[in-house]
Structures are given as structure tokens and as C-alpha cells.
Amino acid sequence: MGDPGCLSLFGRDTAAHQLIAEHITAETCVKVSAQGRVVDEWKWKESRPDNHWFDCLVGCAVAANLAGASLPGIIQVRKRKRERVDFGEWQRRAREGR
């Protein structure tokens, strides 16, 4: 609690948040490595509980990120914008070894 990027729910009434808690805990994170990189892969638990609200929460987080939203205290790394090159220029660069 209190870490940058944490998700917290208001109040102390556990019954009020039971359904969202069940959906959020319906999947577990597994670290997977392949081709020199490590990613978190989310797996559905064996009992196959509902996870629709979890999927919606993740989708909203992705959409917010794509729209440029960020959390305070989180440093965002901007990708370098790639310049567009026409085919002729691409061929010239290839011949020059660039």
C-alpha cells in the first residue's frame, strides 16, 4: 500500500469489494523467458473463476497509457520517433551501409 502504481479501494467494508477482489485474483502472474527477454504472463487459475472486471481494469490501464496518462512518481521512457523514409532513400542508405 502506498507504492507508486498501487491500486487501492476506498473504505474498510470487505463485503463491498468482494466481487472486484475475486475478479482481480482470478489470474496469477508467471515469469516467462524466451529469446533473451523476460515477461510476465498471466494465467487463469485452475477453477476458472470470473475475471471480466480484471480484464476491464487492465484494458483501462492500457488505454490510459496509450492516451498519455501517467502516475505521479513513475518515470516514463519515451520511444524515439522513427522518421519515415521513402523506398528510394531506403535503397540509397542500404548501399551506403547505414
C-alpha atoms as a PDB file:
ATOM      1  CA  MET A   1       0.000   0.000   0.000  1.00  0.00           C
ATOM      2  CA  GLY A   2       1.318   3.396  -0.921  1.00  0.00           C
ATOM      3  CA  ASP A   3       3.758   2.203  -3.582  1.00  0.00           C
ATOM      4  CA  PRO A   4       3.717   4.100  -6.869  1.00  0.00           C
ATOM      5  CA  GLY A   5       1.136   2.489  -9.137  1.00  0.00           C
ATOM      6  CA  CYS A   6      -0.701   0.600  -6.390  1.00  0.00           C
ATOM      7  CA  LEU A   7      -4.439   0.021  -6.680  1.00  0.00           C
ATOM      8  CA  SER A   8      -6.420   0.782  -3.562  1.00  0.00           C
ATOM      9  CA  LEU A   9     -10.140   0.651  -2.859  1.00  0.00           C
ATOM     10  CA  PHE A  10     -11.956   3.070  -0.585  1.00  0.00           C
ATOM     11  CA  GLY A  11     -13.337   2.172   2.831  1.00  0.00           C
ATOM     12  CA  ARG A  12     -12.921  -0.852   5.077  1.00  0.00           C
ATOM     13  CA  ASP A  13     -16.094  -2.806   4.213  1.00  0.00           C
ATOM     14  CA  THR A  14     -14.717  -6.028   2.721  1.00  0.00           C
ATOM     15  CA  ALA A  15     -18.183  -7.153   1.567  1.00  0.00           C
ATOM     16  CA  ALA A  16     -18.479  -4.036  -0.604  1.00  0.00           C
ATOM     17  CA  HIS A  17     -15.347  -5.037  -2.552  1.00  0.00           C
ATOM     18  CA  GLN A  18     -15.677  -8.835  -2.538  1.00  0.00           C
ATOM     19  CA  LEU A  19     -16.630  -9.189  -6.217  1.00  0.00           C
ATOM     20  CA  ILE A  20     -13.829  -6.974  -7.575  1.00  0.00           C
ATOM     21  CA  ALA A  21     -11.374  -8.800  -5.297  1.00  0.00           C
ATOM     22  CA  GLU A  22     -12.485 -12.172  -6.690  1.00  0.00           C
ATOM     23  CA  HIS A  23     -12.100 -10.973 -10.286  1.00  0.00           C
ATOM     24  CA  ILE A  24      -8.687  -9.369  -9.689  1.00  0.00           C
ATOM     25  CA  THR A  25      -7.332 -12.521  -8.038  1.00  0.00           C
ATOM     26  CA  ALA A  26      -8.710 -14.860 -10.738  1.00  0.00           C
ATOM     27  CA  GLU A  27      -5.336 -14.953 -12.512  1.00  0.00           C
ATOM     28  CA  THR A  28      -1.752 -15.443 -11.377  1.00  0.00           C
ATOM     29  CA  CYS A  29       1.441 -13.986 -12.775  1.00  0.00           C
ATOM     30  CA  VAL A  30       4.142 -16.307 -14.122  1.00  0.00           C
ATOM     31  CA  LYS A  31       7.545 -15.046 -15.298  1.00  0.00           C
ATOM     32  CA  VAL A  32       8.384 -16.464 -18.740  1.00  0.00           C
ATOM     33  CA  SER A  33      11.685 -16.078 -20.600  1.00  0.00           C
ATOM     34  CA  ALA A  34      12.279 -16.655 -24.288  1.00  0.00           C
ATOM     35  CA  GLN A  35      14.604 -15.248 -26.927  1.00  0.00           C
ATOM     36  CA  GLY A  36      16.577 -13.245 -24.381  1.00  0.00           C
ATOM     37  CA  ARG A  37      13.711 -11.419 -22.709  1.00  0.00           C
ATOM     38  CA  VAL A  38      11.593 -11.967 -19.614  1.00  0.00           C
ATOM     39  CA  VAL A  39       7.888 -11.110 -19.483  1.00  0.00           C
ATOM     40  CA  ASP A  40       5.029 -11.551 -17.028  1.00  0.00           C
ATOM     41  CA  GLU A  41       2.415 -13.926 -18.386  1.00  0.00           C
ATOM     42  CA  TRP A  42      -0.988 -14.053 -16.704  1.00  0.00           C
ATOM     43  CA  LYS A  43      -2.588 -17.489 -16.292  1.00  0.00           C
ATOM     44  CA  TRP A  44      -6.154 -18.285 -15.322  1.00  0.00           C
ATOM     45  CA  LYS A  45      -6.447 -20.265 -12.092  1.00  0.00           C
ATOM     46  CA  GLU A  46      -7.490 -23.923 -12.380  1.00  0.00           C
ATOM     47  CA  SER A  47     -11.008 -23.268 -11.041  1.00  0.00           C
ATOM     48  CA  ARG A  48     -11.633 -20.772 -13.889  1.00  0.00           C
ATOM     49  CA  PRO A  49     -13.252 -18.018 -11.775  1.00  0.00           C
ATOM     50  CA  ASP A  50     -14.775 -14.978 -13.476  1.00  0.00           C
ATOM     51  CA  ASN A  51     -12.170 -12.401 -14.441  1.00  0.00           C
ATOM     52  CA  HIS A  52     -14.152  -9.920 -16.547  1.00  0.00           C
ATOM     53  CA  TRP A  53     -13.570  -6.982 -14.208  1.00  0.00           C
ATOM     54  CA  PHE A  54      -9.835  -7.780 -14.152  1.00  0.00           C
ATOM     55  CA  ASP A  55      -9.767  -7.739 -17.961  1.00  0.00           C
ATOM     56  CA  CYS A  56     -11.619  -4.400 -17.973  1.00  0.00           C
ATOM     57  CA  LEU A  57      -9.237  -2.943 -15.399  1.00  0.00           C
ATOM     58  CA  VAL A  58      -6.206  -3.969 -17.474  1.00  0.00           C
ATOM     59  CA  GLY A  59      -7.823  -2.633 -20.665  1.00  0.00           C
ATOM     60  CA  CYS A  60      -8.497   0.718 -18.997  1.00  0.00           C
ATOM     61  CA  ALA A  61      -4.897   0.920 -17.777  1.00  0.00           C
ATOM     62  CA  VAL A  62      -3.582   0.214 -21.284  1.00  0.00           C
ATOM     63  CA  ALA A  63      -5.934   2.769 -22.862  1.00  0.00           C
ATOM     64  CA  ALA A  64      -4.901   5.395 -20.305  1.00  0.00           C
ATOM     65  CA  ASN A  65      -1.234   4.717 -21.022  1.00  0.00           C
ATOM     66  CA  LEU A  66      -1.754   4.977 -24.784  1.00  0.00           C
ATOM     67  CA  ALA A  67      -3.568   8.280 -24.229  1.00  0.00           C
ATOM     68  CA  GLY A  68      -0.511   9.581 -22.363  1.00  0.00           C
ATOM     69  CA  ALA A  69      -1.705   9.280 -18.762  1.00  0.00           C
ATOM     70  CA  SER A  70       0.914   8.518 -16.148  1.00  0.00           C
ATOM     71  CA  LEU A  71       1.083   8.165 -12.383  1.00  0.00           C
ATOM     72  CA  PRO A  72       2.970  10.656 -10.210  1.00  0.00           C
ATOM     73  CA  GLY A  73       6.437   9.356  -9.348  1.00  0.00           C
ATOM     74  CA  ILE A  74       6.610   6.985 -12.315  1.00  0.00           C
ATOM     75  CA  ILE A  75       9.266   7.920 -14.875  1.00  0.00           C
ATOM     76  CA  GLN A  76       8.085   7.322 -18.410  1.00  0.00           C
ATOM     77  CA  VAL A  77      10.562   6.405 -21.106  1.00  0.00           C
ATOM     78  CA  ARG A  78       9.562   7.931 -24.423  1.00  0.00           C
ATOM     79  CA  LYS A  79      10.253   5.908 -27.522  1.00  0.00           C
ATOM     80  CA  ARG A  80      12.299   7.661 -30.148  1.00  0.00           C
ATOM     81  CA  LYS A  81      10.078   8.739 -33.012  1.00  0.00           C
ATOM     82  CA  ARG A  82      11.067   6.913 -36.171  1.00  0.00           C
ATOM     83  CA  GLU A  83      11.484   9.010 -39.262  1.00  0.00           C
ATOM     84  CA  ARG A  84       9.630   7.982 -42.386  1.00  0.00           C
ATOM     85  CA  VAL A  85      11.859   7.115 -45.327  1.00  0.00           C
ATOM     86  CA  ASP A  86      10.679   6.543 -48.863  1.00  0.00           C
ATOM     87  CA  PHE A  87      11.795   3.437 -50.716  1.00  0.00           C
ATOM     88  CA  GLY A  88      14.421   5.225 -52.843  1.00  0.00           C
ATOM     89  CA  GLU A  89      16.053   6.734 -49.753  1.00  0.00           C
ATOM     90  CA  TRP A  90      15.966   3.339 -48.051  1.00  0.00           C
ATOM     91  CA  GLN A  91      17.822   1.797 -51.022  1.00  0.00           C
ATOM     92  CA  ARG A  92      20.458   4.579 -51.011  1.00  0.00           C
ATOM     93  CA  ARG A  93      21.062   4.070 -47.289  1.00  0.00           C
ATOM     94  CA  ALA A  94      21.346   0.324 -47.781  1.00  0.00           C
ATOM     95  CA  ARG A  95      24.018   0.799 -50.476  1.00  0.00           C
ATOM     96  CA  GLU A  96      25.950   3.175 -48.206  1.00  0.00           C
ATOM     97  CA  GLY A  97      25.788   0.721 -45.328  1.00  0.00           C
ATOM     98  CA  ARG A  98      23.787   2.925 -42.954  1.00  0.00           C
END
